[in-house]
Amino acid sequence: MTQGRLVVDPDFALGPVDRRLFGSFVEHMGRCVYEGIFEPGHPSADEQGLRRDVLELVRELGPTVVRYPGGNFVSGYRWEEGVGPVAERPTRLDLAWRSIEPNTFGLHEFMSWAAQAEVEPMLAVNLGTRGVQEAADLVEYANHPGGSELSDLRIKNGAVDPFAVKLWCLGNEMDGPWQVGQKSAEDYGKLAAEAAKAMRLVDPRIELVACGSSNRQMPTFAAWEATVLEHTYEWVDYISMHAYYEEADNLADFLASAVDMDGFIDDVIAATDYVRAKIRSPKKLKISFDEWNVWYQTEYHRLPPRDWTHAPALIEDNFTVADAVAVGSYLISLLNHADRVGVACQAQLVNIIAPIRTERGGPAWRQPIFYPFAQMARLARGVALRVPVQSPEVVTPKYGAVPAVTTAATWDEETKTLALFLVNRSVDDDIVTTVDVRALQPHRVAEQLVLSGPDVRATNTATEPDRVRPRTENSAELDRGRLTVSLPATSWTALAVSCTPTQPSTVNA
């Protein structure tokens, strides 16, 4: 076995862990909404048509914020067609996903679901085919207490209290040629600034996310951020990031792909801080990484054009142990940027490249990627720590030599608990890792969860929903302030260590 070494010290504080880092995404796409979270007539459905079995899994997964209703879908969406009596709502063509949208699930249904799922709503406005007035109208409908036409309409439609939505996205992927209403950076920046101004006049308490580049490979990347933020910097609180990864021909490359995510985040921080310096702003903008996940896009783009259907089965990738380990490494990257990444949303929540899968009229189950997210969302509390790592390297064709072990840690002063998250990227080698935790006065290993297995291609299905699941271990050894843990090849490990409060020194009188 090869060796690794880490040092964990509360003095290496990176920043508070924002609970919004553990967000998700629900889009009117495929079977995410219809047959996912919403299926009237399902055996588990409540009186509103919300699937209770899915709600139970969502609460177990633990997302804190959920972005809605898109995604590409939002750039053609008329929000007012999704409110009011369901029988009077129109059926529309969804140009984004070439689907039929019946509008039977809309804003009120989503807000009811969000309350039951115990998540904060994050709403997106349409800046593709619509503009400033429609964005301000939606804020008025959702957040104004009453006494205006739109707020009174919300009350008439059954919501007496305002929805009080705080977090809003100013469109989606507006640089993308696939986007209905694609715009140049200059045009989008001007539009987003005016929309932000109007939305804040309606409700000054809201927080706003400007669209960054759709991905790091866009030819306008970084120049887009610079131009957009020169228009919007003083009006917004976040700039968005989106990134998806897939295994192509080399597993080692795939397991190392969080290296690209780290570089992408650092580049966006640099572009953001360039604008801050240029306009001499005292405000330090944060990042909303509101779409990230594994997505086998190569296979998706090989598919023929779809006919107009309702709730087609789109990108319902079956995730494996290897995918779960990769997702764990992305979570580690996000936590290691907790000082600048304030919001993050795994895309998407149900069926669409999701941690939760369902069958129409049938069961719901956890995909392997469910587990790293659920464990980090539950355990990561308090302050994120910088963790110096000494690790063997793995050599990859795409990224060169990268550390085999990647890790993140949090320290919760209130409960005196250290949470440690580790991924072993090595395809072949177990790595025994020693963690120096003397500064925290460790008392005992309270929890050790490991996701790995002899078959890294193993997955879960409706008939075998528990084939892949984490195992509880007690193999980590704690001795005189040093924690020794063996990391299997291609694995995710989560640890919780209970620590003894530091006793104040006493002075003899």
Protein backbone atom coordinates (compact mmCIF):
# COMPACT_ATOMS: atom_id res chain seq x y z
CA MET A 1 0.00 0.00 0.00
CA THR A 2 1.12 3.55 -0.73
CA GLN A 3 1.03 6.33 1.87
CA GLY A 4 -0.57 9.74 2.18
CA ARG A 5 -0.43 12.43 4.87
CA LEU A 6 -2.80 15.25 5.81
CA VAL A 7 -2.74 17.97 8.46
CA VAL A 8 -5.99 19.34 9.91
CA ASP A 9 -5.85 22.42 12.11
CA PRO A 10 -8.64 24.88 13.03
CA ASP A 11 -6.20 27.73 12.43
CA PHE A 12 -6.29 26.85 8.73
CA ALA A 13 -9.81 28.27 8.40
CA LEU A 14 -11.01 28.91 4.85
CA GLY A 15 -14.43 30.33 5.62
CA PRO A 16 -17.90 29.49 6.93
CA VAL A 17 -19.75 26.67 5.17
CA ASP A 18 -22.76 28.25 3.47
CA ARG A 19 -25.63 25.74 3.64
CA ARG A 20 -26.58 26.78 0.10
CA LEU A 21 -23.55 24.85 -1.16
CA PHE A 22 -25.73 21.75 -0.97
CA GLY A 23 -28.36 22.73 -3.50
CA SER A 24 -30.15 20.96 -6.31
CA PHE A 25 -32.12 21.78 -9.45
CA VAL A 26 -35.64 21.02 -10.71
CA GLU A 27 -36.32 21.89 -14.35
CA HIS A 28 -39.33 21.31 -16.57
CA MET A 29 -37.31 18.83 -18.57
CA GLY A 30 -38.00 15.18 -19.30
CA ARG A 31 -39.36 13.40 -16.23
CA CYS A 32 -37.90 15.63 -13.53
CA VAL A 33 -41.19 17.35 -12.67
CA TYR A 34 -43.81 15.16 -14.33
CA GLU A 35 -43.42 11.54 -13.11
CA GLY A 36 -40.57 12.73 -10.90
CA ILE A 37 -41.66 14.98 -8.06
CA PHE A 38 -45.24 15.32 -9.37
CA GLU A 39 -47.41 12.37 -10.41
CA PRO A 40 -51.11 12.57 -9.61
CA GLY A 41 -52.55 9.08 -9.31
CA HIS A 42 -49.31 7.52 -8.09
CA PRO A 43 -49.87 5.26 -5.04
CA SER A 44 -47.72 7.58 -2.91
CA ALA A 45 -49.11 10.88 -4.25
CA ASP A 46 -50.73 13.34 -1.87
CA GLU A 47 -53.84 15.39 -2.66
CA GLN A 48 -51.68 17.82 -4.68
CA GLY A 49 -50.13 15.05 -6.78
CA LEU A 50 -46.72 15.29 -5.08
CA ARG A 51 -44.97 11.94 -4.71
CA ARG A 52 -44.42 11.27 -1.02
CA ASP A 53 -41.82 8.57 -1.73
CA VAL A 54 -39.73 11.09 -3.65
CA LEU A 55 -40.19 13.73 -0.95
CA GLU A 56 -38.89 11.26 1.62
CA LEU A 57 -35.76 10.61 -0.46
CA VAL A 58 -35.24 14.34 -1.06
CA ARG A 59 -35.31 15.01 2.67
CA GLU A 60 -32.81 12.17 3.17
CA LEU A 61 -30.57 13.59 0.42
CA GLY A 62 -30.62 16.94 2.21
CA PRO A 63 -30.53 19.68 -0.45
CA THR A 64 -30.90 23.11 1.09
CA VAL A 65 -31.87 25.17 -1.95
CA VAL A 66 -33.51 24.14 -5.25
CA ARG A 67 -33.31 26.12 -8.48
CA TYR A 68 -36.50 26.25 -10.62
CA PRO A 69 -37.93 26.15 -13.36
CA GLY A 70 -34.80 26.06 -15.51
CA GLY A 71 -32.43 25.76 -17.12
CA ASN A 72 -32.98 26.12 -20.83
CA PHE A 73 -36.71 25.75 -20.25
CA VAL A 74 -36.98 29.15 -18.57
CA SER A 75 -35.96 31.06 -21.71
CA GLY A 76 -39.33 30.32 -23.28
CA TYR A 77 -41.45 30.15 -20.13
CA ARG A 78 -44.42 32.38 -19.32
CA TRP A 79 -44.72 32.11 -15.56
CA GLU A 80 -48.29 33.43 -15.43
CA GLU A 81 -49.48 30.42 -17.45
CA GLY A 82 -48.46 28.17 -14.54
CA VAL A 83 -50.69 29.86 -11.93
CA GLY A 84 -54.42 30.00 -11.40
CA PRO A 85 -57.00 27.24 -11.95
CA VAL A 86 -55.26 24.23 -13.49
CA ALA A 87 -58.13 23.59 -15.91
CA GLU A 88 -57.64 27.07 -17.39
CA ARG A 89 -53.87 26.80 -17.91
CA PRO A 90 -52.75 26.54 -21.56
CA THR A 91 -50.72 23.71 -23.07
CA ARG A 92 -47.57 24.99 -24.80
CA LEU A 93 -44.69 23.75 -26.89
CA ASP A 94 -41.45 23.75 -24.91
CA LEU A 95 -38.83 24.75 -27.47
CA ALA A 96 -35.89 23.96 -25.20
CA TRP A 97 -36.55 20.22 -24.96
CA ARG A 98 -39.02 19.79 -27.85
CA SER A 99 -41.69 18.69 -25.40
CA ILE A 100 -45.33 19.37 -24.57
CA GLU A 101 -45.77 21.52 -21.45
CA PRO A 102 -49.28 21.27 -19.92
CA ASN A 103 -48.55 23.79 -17.13
CA THR A 104 -50.31 21.59 -14.58
CA PHE A 105 -47.31 22.14 -12.30
CA GLY A 106 -46.33 25.75 -11.77
CA LEU A 107 -45.20 28.27 -9.18
CA HIS A 108 -47.74 27.47 -6.46
CA GLU A 109 -47.19 23.74 -6.81
CA PHE A 110 -43.42 24.21 -6.66
CA MET A 111 -43.63 26.40 -3.56
CA SER A 112 -45.83 23.82 -1.84
CA TRP A 113 -43.38 21.07 -2.79
CA ALA A 114 -40.40 23.17 -1.59
CA ALA A 115 -42.05 23.67 1.80
CA GLN A 116 -42.61 19.94 2.20
CA ALA A 117 -39.09 19.15 0.95
CA GLU A 118 -37.71 21.71 3.43
CA VAL A 119 -35.68 23.56 0.80
CA GLU A 120 -35.20 27.22 -0.07
CA PRO A 121 -36.58 28.14 -3.52
CA MET A 122 -34.25 29.71 -6.10
CA LEU A 123 -36.30 31.09 -8.99
CA ALA A 124 -35.08 31.96 -12.49
CA VAL A 125 -36.64 34.67 -14.65
CA ASN A 126 -36.95 34.52 -18.44
CA LEU A 127 -34.50 36.94 -20.07
CA GLY A 128 -34.45 34.95 -23.31
CA THR A 129 -37.83 35.73 -24.89
CA ARG A 130 -39.02 38.19 -22.23
CA GLY A 131 -37.49 41.02 -20.27
CA VAL A 132 -37.52 43.63 -17.54
CA GLN A 133 -41.27 43.99 -16.96
CA GLU A 134 -41.99 40.27 -16.80
CA ALA A 135 -39.13 39.76 -14.33
CA ALA A 136 -40.39 42.57 -12.07
CA ASP A 137 -43.94 41.22 -12.36
CA LEU A 138 -42.89 37.81 -11.12
CA VAL A 139 -41.17 39.32 -8.07
CA GLU A 140 -44.31 41.35 -7.36
CA TYR A 141 -46.54 38.29 -7.69
CA ALA A 142 -44.28 36.16 -5.48
CA ASN A 143 -43.07 38.60 -2.83
CA HIS A 144 -45.35 41.65 -2.48
CA PRO A 145 -47.68 41.34 0.54
CA GLY A 146 -50.84 42.57 -1.19
CA GLY A 147 -52.69 45.60 -2.45
CA SER A 148 -51.42 45.44 -6.04
CA GLU A 149 -52.92 43.65 -9.01
CA LEU A 150 -50.35 40.86 -9.13
CA SER A 151 -49.98 40.31 -5.38
CA ASP A 152 -53.76 40.25 -5.05
CA LEU A 153 -53.86 37.69 -7.86
CA ARG A 154 -51.50 35.47 -5.84
CA ILE A 155 -53.84 35.78 -2.88
CA LYS A 156 -56.83 34.94 -5.09
CA ASN A 157 -54.92 31.88 -6.31
CA GLY A 158 -54.62 30.58 -2.75
CA ALA A 159 -51.39 32.02 -1.29
CA VAL A 160 -52.34 34.70 1.23
CA ASP A 161 -48.79 35.07 2.53
CA PRO A 162 -46.03 36.15 0.16
CA PHE A 163 -43.69 33.42 -1.04
CA ALA A 164 -40.77 35.65 0.07
CA VAL A 165 -38.36 34.18 -2.47
CA LYS A 166 -34.94 35.62 -1.79
CA LEU A 167 -32.65 34.07 -4.43
CA TRP A 168 -33.21 34.81 -8.15
CA CYS A 169 -31.37 33.92 -11.38
CA LEU A 170 -31.27 36.52 -14.16
CA GLY A 171 -31.88 34.08 -17.00
CA ASN A 172 -29.93 30.96 -17.93
CA GLU A 173 -26.88 30.29 -20.14
CA MET A 174 -27.54 33.37 -22.23
CA ASP A 175 -24.27 32.93 -24.16
CA GLY A 176 -25.32 29.53 -25.55
CA PRO A 177 -26.36 29.16 -29.21
CA TRP A 178 -28.80 26.47 -28.03
CA GLN A 179 -30.59 29.03 -25.86
CA VAL A 180 -33.83 30.56 -27.10
CA GLY A 181 -33.04 34.27 -27.01
CA GLN A 182 -29.23 33.95 -26.98
CA LYS A 183 -27.51 37.29 -26.49
CA SER A 184 -24.10 38.86 -26.72
CA ALA A 185 -22.35 39.70 -23.47
CA GLU A 186 -23.00 43.40 -24.05
CA ASP A 187 -26.72 42.93 -24.73
CA TYR A 188 -27.22 40.50 -21.88
CA GLY A 189 -25.26 42.63 -19.43
CA LYS A 190 -27.43 45.68 -20.17
CA LEU A 191 -30.65 43.66 -19.97
CA ALA A 192 -29.65 41.89 -16.75
CA ALA A 193 -28.70 45.19 -15.11
CA GLU A 194 -32.06 46.75 -15.96
CA ALA A 195 -33.97 43.64 -14.85
CA ALA A 196 -32.01 43.60 -11.60
CA LYS A 197 -32.78 47.27 -11.02
CA ALA A 198 -36.52 46.75 -11.54
CA MET A 199 -36.64 43.57 -9.45
CA ARG A 200 -34.84 45.27 -6.56
CA LEU A 201 -37.26 48.22 -6.74
CA VAL A 202 -40.08 45.74 -6.15
CA ASP A 203 -38.22 43.94 -3.34
CA PRO A 204 -34.86 45.35 -2.16
CA ARG A 205 -34.19 42.26 -0.02
CA ILE A 206 -33.66 39.83 -2.90
CA GLU A 207 -30.32 38.34 -3.98
CA LEU A 208 -29.49 38.10 -7.69
CA VAL A 209 -27.36 35.79 -9.84
CA ALA A 210 -25.99 37.00 -13.18
CA CYS A 211 -25.34 34.44 -15.93
CA GLY A 212 -21.71 33.50 -16.35
CA SER A 213 -20.41 31.41 -19.24
CA SER A 214 -22.30 28.19 -19.95
CA ASN A 215 -19.06 26.27 -19.56
CA ARG A 216 -15.31 26.76 -19.55
CA GLN A 217 -15.01 25.68 -23.20
CA MET A 218 -17.14 28.54 -24.56
CA PRO A 219 -15.04 30.69 -26.96
CA THR A 220 -16.16 33.81 -25.10
CA PHE A 221 -15.31 32.47 -21.61
CA ALA A 222 -13.80 35.06 -19.25
CA ALA A 223 -14.44 37.87 -21.73
CA TRP A 224 -18.16 37.16 -21.20
CA GLU A 225 -17.78 37.41 -17.41
CA ALA A 226 -15.80 40.64 -17.67
CA THR A 227 -18.30 42.34 -19.99
CA VAL A 228 -21.43 41.16 -18.17
CA LEU A 229 -20.07 42.15 -14.76
CA GLU A 230 -19.03 45.61 -15.91
CA HIS A 231 -22.77 46.20 -16.40
CA THR A 232 -24.14 44.22 -13.47
CA TYR A 233 -21.50 44.11 -10.73
CA GLU A 234 -23.19 46.57 -8.38
CA TRP A 235 -26.63 45.05 -8.97
CA VAL A 236 -25.91 41.35 -8.37
CA ASP A 237 -24.61 39.14 -5.59
CA TYR A 238 -23.38 36.14 -7.59
CA ILE A 239 -22.06 35.12 -11.00
CA SER A 240 -23.12 31.67 -12.18
CA MET A 241 -21.01 28.70 -13.27
CA HIS A 242 -22.04 25.46 -15.01
CA ALA A 243 -19.93 22.34 -15.59
CA TYR A 244 -20.58 18.72 -16.49
CA TYR A 245 -18.09 15.87 -16.74
CA GLU A 246 -18.17 12.36 -18.19
CA GLU A 247 -15.92 9.37 -18.54
CA ALA A 248 -14.70 9.13 -22.12
CA ASP A 249 -11.95 6.62 -22.84
CA ASN A 250 -9.96 6.77 -19.62
CA LEU A 251 -11.17 6.19 -16.06
CA ALA A 252 -8.12 7.90 -14.56
CA ASP A 253 -8.91 11.09 -16.49
CA PHE A 254 -12.50 10.99 -15.29
CA LEU A 255 -11.57 10.49 -11.64
CA ALA A 256 -9.18 13.45 -11.92
CA SER A 257 -11.73 15.77 -13.58
CA ALA A 258 -12.25 17.81 -10.40
CA VAL A 259 -8.87 19.32 -11.27
CA ASP A 260 -10.68 21.05 -14.13
CA MET A 261 -13.45 22.18 -11.78
CA ASP A 262 -10.86 23.70 -9.44
CA GLY A 263 -9.23 25.54 -12.32
CA PHE A 264 -12.58 26.75 -13.64
CA ILE A 265 -13.55 28.19 -10.25
CA ASP A 266 -10.18 29.91 -9.90
CA ASP A 267 -10.53 31.43 -13.38
CA VAL A 268 -14.00 32.80 -12.64
CA ILE A 269 -12.75 34.26 -9.37
CA ALA A 270 -9.94 35.96 -11.31
CA ALA A 271 -12.35 37.39 -13.90
CA THR A 272 -14.69 38.59 -11.18
CA ASP A 273 -11.94 40.23 -9.17
CA TYR A 274 -10.60 41.92 -12.32
CA VAL A 275 -13.93 43.73 -12.69
CA ARG A 276 -13.97 44.55 -8.98
CA ALA A 277 -10.56 46.18 -9.31
CA LYS A 278 -11.46 47.95 -12.55
CA ILE A 279 -14.59 49.59 -11.15
CA ARG A 280 -13.02 50.00 -7.69
CA SER A 281 -15.85 48.28 -5.88
CA PRO A 282 -15.51 47.33 -2.20
CA LYS A 283 -17.86 44.39 -2.75
CA LYS A 284 -16.43 40.91 -3.30
CA LEU A 285 -18.78 38.92 -5.55
CA LYS A 286 -19.47 35.25 -4.89
CA ILE A 287 -20.10 32.34 -7.24
CA SER A 288 -23.32 30.43 -7.76
CA PHE A 289 -22.21 27.10 -9.22
CA ASP A 290 -25.83 26.34 -10.01
CA GLU A 291 -25.35 23.46 -12.46
CA TRP A 292 -22.79 20.69 -11.92
CA ASN A 293 -22.77 16.92 -12.22
CA VAL A 294 -21.71 13.91 -14.25
CA TRP A 295 -23.54 13.92 -17.60
CA TYR A 296 -22.82 11.58 -20.50
CA GLN A 297 -23.41 14.29 -23.09
CA THR A 298 -21.65 12.43 -25.89
CA GLU A 299 -24.34 9.75 -25.85
CA TYR A 300 -27.11 12.34 -25.52
CA HIS A 301 -26.00 14.31 -28.58
CA ARG A 302 -26.00 11.16 -30.71
CA LEU A 303 -29.75 10.77 -30.26
CA PRO A 304 -32.07 11.77 -33.15
CA PRO A 305 -34.37 14.80 -32.77
CA ARG A 306 -37.38 14.11 -30.56
CA ASP A 307 -41.03 14.32 -31.49
CA TRP A 308 -43.31 16.56 -29.44
CA THR A 309 -44.21 14.47 -26.40
CA HIS A 310 -45.05 15.11 -22.76
CA ALA A 311 -42.43 14.15 -20.17
CA PRO A 312 -40.06 12.20 -22.46
CA ALA A 313 -37.32 10.15 -20.82
CA LEU A 314 -34.31 12.47 -21.29
CA ILE A 315 -30.72 11.91 -20.07
CA GLU A 316 -31.69 9.36 -17.44
CA ASP A 317 -28.11 8.20 -17.00
CA ASN A 318 -27.52 5.14 -14.83
CA PHE A 319 -24.74 6.14 -12.47
CA THR A 320 -22.03 3.82 -11.18
CA VAL A 321 -19.59 3.57 -8.29
CA ALA A 322 -17.03 5.44 -10.42
CA ASP A 323 -19.55 8.22 -11.07
CA ALA A 324 -20.23 8.50 -7.33
CA VAL A 325 -16.51 8.83 -6.58
CA ALA A 326 -16.24 11.58 -9.22
CA VAL A 327 -19.25 13.38 -7.72
CA GLY A 328 -17.56 13.14 -4.31
CA SER A 329 -14.49 14.86 -5.74
CA TYR A 330 -16.64 17.71 -7.14
CA LEU A 331 -18.24 18.19 -3.73
CA ILE A 332 -14.74 18.39 -2.25
CA SER A 333 -13.80 21.06 -4.82
CA LEU A 334 -16.85 23.13 -3.90
CA LEU A 335 -16.15 22.87 -0.18
CA ASN A 336 -12.51 23.82 -0.76
CA HIS A 337 -13.75 27.06 -2.34
CA ALA A 338 -16.24 27.86 0.41
CA ASP A 339 -14.75 31.34 0.75
CA ARG A 340 -16.01 32.28 -2.74
CA VAL A 341 -18.63 29.72 -3.77
CA GLY A 342 -21.81 30.61 -1.90
CA VAL A 343 -24.40 28.59 -3.83
CA ALA A 344 -24.10 25.28 -5.68
CA CYS A 345 -26.80 23.15 -7.30
CA GLN A 346 -26.31 19.59 -8.47
CA ALA A 347 -28.28 19.18 -11.69
CA GLN A 348 -30.82 17.70 -11.49
CA LEU A 349 -32.78 16.26 -8.58
CA VAL A 350 -34.97 13.49 -10.03
CA ASN A 351 -34.54 11.32 -13.17
CA ILE A 352 -32.52 13.87 -15.19
CA ILE A 353 -28.86 12.86 -14.49
CA ALA A 354 -30.12 12.63 -10.95
CA PRO A 355 -29.39 11.10 -7.54
CA ILE A 356 -33.03 9.94 -7.40
CA ARG A 357 -34.79 7.83 -10.04
CA THR A 358 -38.43 6.88 -10.39
CA GLU A 359 -40.70 4.66 -12.45
CA ARG A 360 -44.11 5.91 -13.53
CA GLY A 361 -46.58 4.36 -11.13
CA GLY A 362 -43.70 2.45 -9.53
CA PRO A 363 -40.83 2.81 -7.08
CA ALA A 364 -38.28 5.52 -6.42
CA TRP A 365 -34.68 4.67 -5.59
CA ARG A 366 -31.25 6.13 -4.87
CA GLN A 367 -28.53 6.22 -7.50
CA PRO A 368 -24.90 5.76 -6.29
CA ILE A 369 -24.26 9.51 -6.59
CA PHE A 370 -26.94 10.04 -3.93
CA TYR A 371 -24.64 8.99 -1.12
CA PRO A 372 -21.64 11.39 -1.26
CA PHE A 373 -24.03 14.33 -1.56
CA ALA A 374 -26.23 13.17 1.33
CA GLN A 375 -23.24 12.53 3.58
CA MET A 376 -21.54 15.86 2.93
CA ALA A 377 -24.82 17.79 3.23
CA ARG A 378 -25.38 16.18 6.63
CA LEU A 379 -21.85 16.28 8.05
CA ALA A 380 -20.24 19.47 6.67
CA ARG A 381 -20.93 22.11 9.30
CA GLY A 382 -19.23 25.15 10.73
CA VAL A 383 -16.04 26.29 9.03
CA ALA A 384 -14.27 24.81 6.01
CA LEU A 385 -10.57 24.18 6.60
CA ARG A 386 -7.57 24.26 4.29
CA VAL A 387 -6.03 20.79 4.41
CA PRO A 388 -2.40 20.46 3.26
CA VAL A 389 -2.07 17.10 1.47
CA GLN A 390 0.95 14.95 0.80
CA SER A 391 -0.17 12.17 -1.51
CA PRO A 392 1.09 9.78 -4.15
CA GLU A 393 0.31 10.93 -7.67
CA VAL A 394 -1.64 9.34 -10.47
CA VAL A 395 -0.60 10.15 -14.01
CA THR A 396 -3.48 10.91 -16.35
CA PRO A 397 -3.39 11.52 -20.12
CA LYS A 398 -5.57 14.64 -19.88
CA TYR A 399 -4.50 16.33 -16.63
CA GLY A 400 -0.98 15.05 -16.16
CA ALA A 401 0.16 14.06 -12.68
CA VAL A 402 -2.46 14.80 -10.01
CA PRO A 403 -2.64 13.90 -6.30
CA ALA A 404 -4.25 10.52 -5.81
CA VAL A 405 -5.96 11.74 -2.64
CA THR A 406 -8.19 14.80 -2.64
CA THR A 407 -9.83 15.93 0.56
CA ALA A 408 -11.87 18.58 2.34
CA ALA A 409 -12.64 19.15 6.01
CA THR A 410 -14.98 21.14 8.22
CA TRP A 411 -14.79 22.03 11.91
CA ASP A 412 -17.97 22.58 13.89
CA GLU A 413 -16.99 24.49 17.02
CA GLU A 414 -20.44 24.11 18.54
CA THR A 415 -20.48 20.31 18.49
CA LYS A 416 -16.67 19.89 18.55
CA THR A 417 -16.90 17.68 15.46
CA LEU A 418 -14.41 17.35 12.62
CA ALA A 419 -15.86 16.14 9.32
CA LEU A 420 -13.36 14.78 6.81
CA PHE A 421 -14.12 13.82 3.20
CA LEU A 422 -11.61 11.88 1.09
CA VAL A 423 -11.48 10.51 -2.44
CA ASN A 424 -8.88 8.05 -3.66
CA ARG A 425 -8.55 8.66 -7.40
CA SER A 426 -6.18 5.76 -7.95
CA VAL A 427 -7.77 3.07 -10.10
CA ASP A 428 -5.42 0.36 -8.77
CA ASP A 429 -3.96 1.22 -5.37
CA ASP A 430 -5.31 1.44 -1.85
CA ILE A 431 -3.72 4.35 0.02
CA VAL A 432 -3.12 4.39 3.75
CA THR A 433 -3.50 7.99 4.84
CA THR A 434 -2.38 9.49 8.14
CA VAL A 435 -4.23 12.58 9.31
CA ASP A 436 -2.58 14.78 11.93
CA VAL A 437 -5.50 16.07 14.03
CA ARG A 438 -3.64 16.80 17.26
CA ALA A 439 -4.67 20.46 17.22
CA LEU A 440 -8.30 19.40 17.67
CA GLN A 441 -7.74 16.99 20.56
CA PRO A 442 -9.55 14.10 18.86
CA HIS A 443 -11.51 11.82 21.15
CA ARG A 444 -13.05 9.13 18.94
CA VAL A 445 -14.12 8.32 15.38
CA ALA A 446 -17.88 8.73 15.58
CA GLU A 447 -18.63 7.67 12.00
CA GLN A 448 -16.82 6.17 9.02
CA LEU A 449 -18.66 5.64 5.72
CA VAL A 450 -17.03 4.19 2.60
CA LEU A 451 -18.33 3.87 -0.94
CA SER A 452 -16.25 1.58 -3.15
CA GLY A 453 -16.43 -1.93 -4.51
CA PRO A 454 -14.83 -4.57 -6.68
CA ASP A 455 -17.02 -3.50 -9.62
CA VAL A 456 -16.71 0.24 -10.28
CA ARG A 457 -19.40 -0.12 -12.98
CA ALA A 458 -22.00 -1.40 -10.52
CA THR A 459 -25.23 0.60 -10.40
CA ASN A 460 -28.67 0.59 -8.79
CA THR A 461 -31.95 -0.20 -10.52
CA ALA A 462 -35.62 -0.47 -9.65
CA THR A 463 -35.18 -4.20 -9.11
CA GLU A 464 -31.79 -3.88 -7.34
CA PRO A 465 -32.07 -0.51 -5.56
CA ASP A 466 -29.41 -1.29 -2.95
CA ARG A 467 -26.73 -3.00 -5.00
CA VAL A 468 -24.49 0.04 -4.46
CA ARG A 469 -24.59 1.68 -1.06
CA PRO A 470 -22.01 2.94 1.43
CA ARG A 471 -20.81 0.65 4.16
CA THR A 472 -20.20 1.61 7.74
CA GLU A 473 -16.71 0.77 8.93
CA ASN A 474 -14.69 1.09 12.12
CA SER A 475 -11.27 0.51 10.60
CA ALA A 476 -9.97 4.08 11.08
CA GLU A 477 -7.49 4.14 13.96
CA LEU A 478 -6.94 7.08 16.27
CA ASP A 479 -3.70 7.12 18.24
CA ARG A 480 -2.15 10.10 20.03
CA GLY A 481 -3.77 12.65 17.79
CA ARG A 482 -3.12 10.85 14.53
CA LEU A 483 -5.88 9.26 12.51
CA THR A 484 -4.95 6.44 10.16
CA VAL A 485 -7.43 5.42 7.49
CA SER A 486 -7.11 3.10 4.50
CA LEU A 487 -8.68 4.46 1.32
CA PRO A 488 -9.62 1.72 -1.17
CA ALA A 489 -8.88 2.30 -4.84
CA THR A 490 -11.59 4.36 -6.57
CA SER A 491 -13.37 5.27 -3.35
CA TRP A 492 -15.21 7.93 -1.37
CA THR A 493 -14.84 8.12 2.42
CA ALA A 494 -16.63 10.34 4.94
CA LEU A 495 -15.49 10.56 8.56
CA ALA A 496 -16.84 12.32 11.64
CA VAL A 497 -14.42 12.70 14.54
CA SER A 498 -15.57 13.81 17.97
CA CYS A 499 -13.07 16.08 19.67
CA THR A 500 -12.50 17.18 23.23
CA PRO A 501 -13.07 20.86 24.00
CA THR A 502 -9.84 22.71 24.71
CA GLN A 503 -9.55 23.36 28.42
CA PRO A 504 -8.60 26.90 29.44
CA SER A 505 -5.25 27.18 31.16
CA THR A 506 -5.21 27.93 34.87
CA VAL A 507 -2.78 30.16 36.72
CA ASN A 508 -1.96 29.59 40.39
CA ALA A 509 -2.57 32.62 42.52
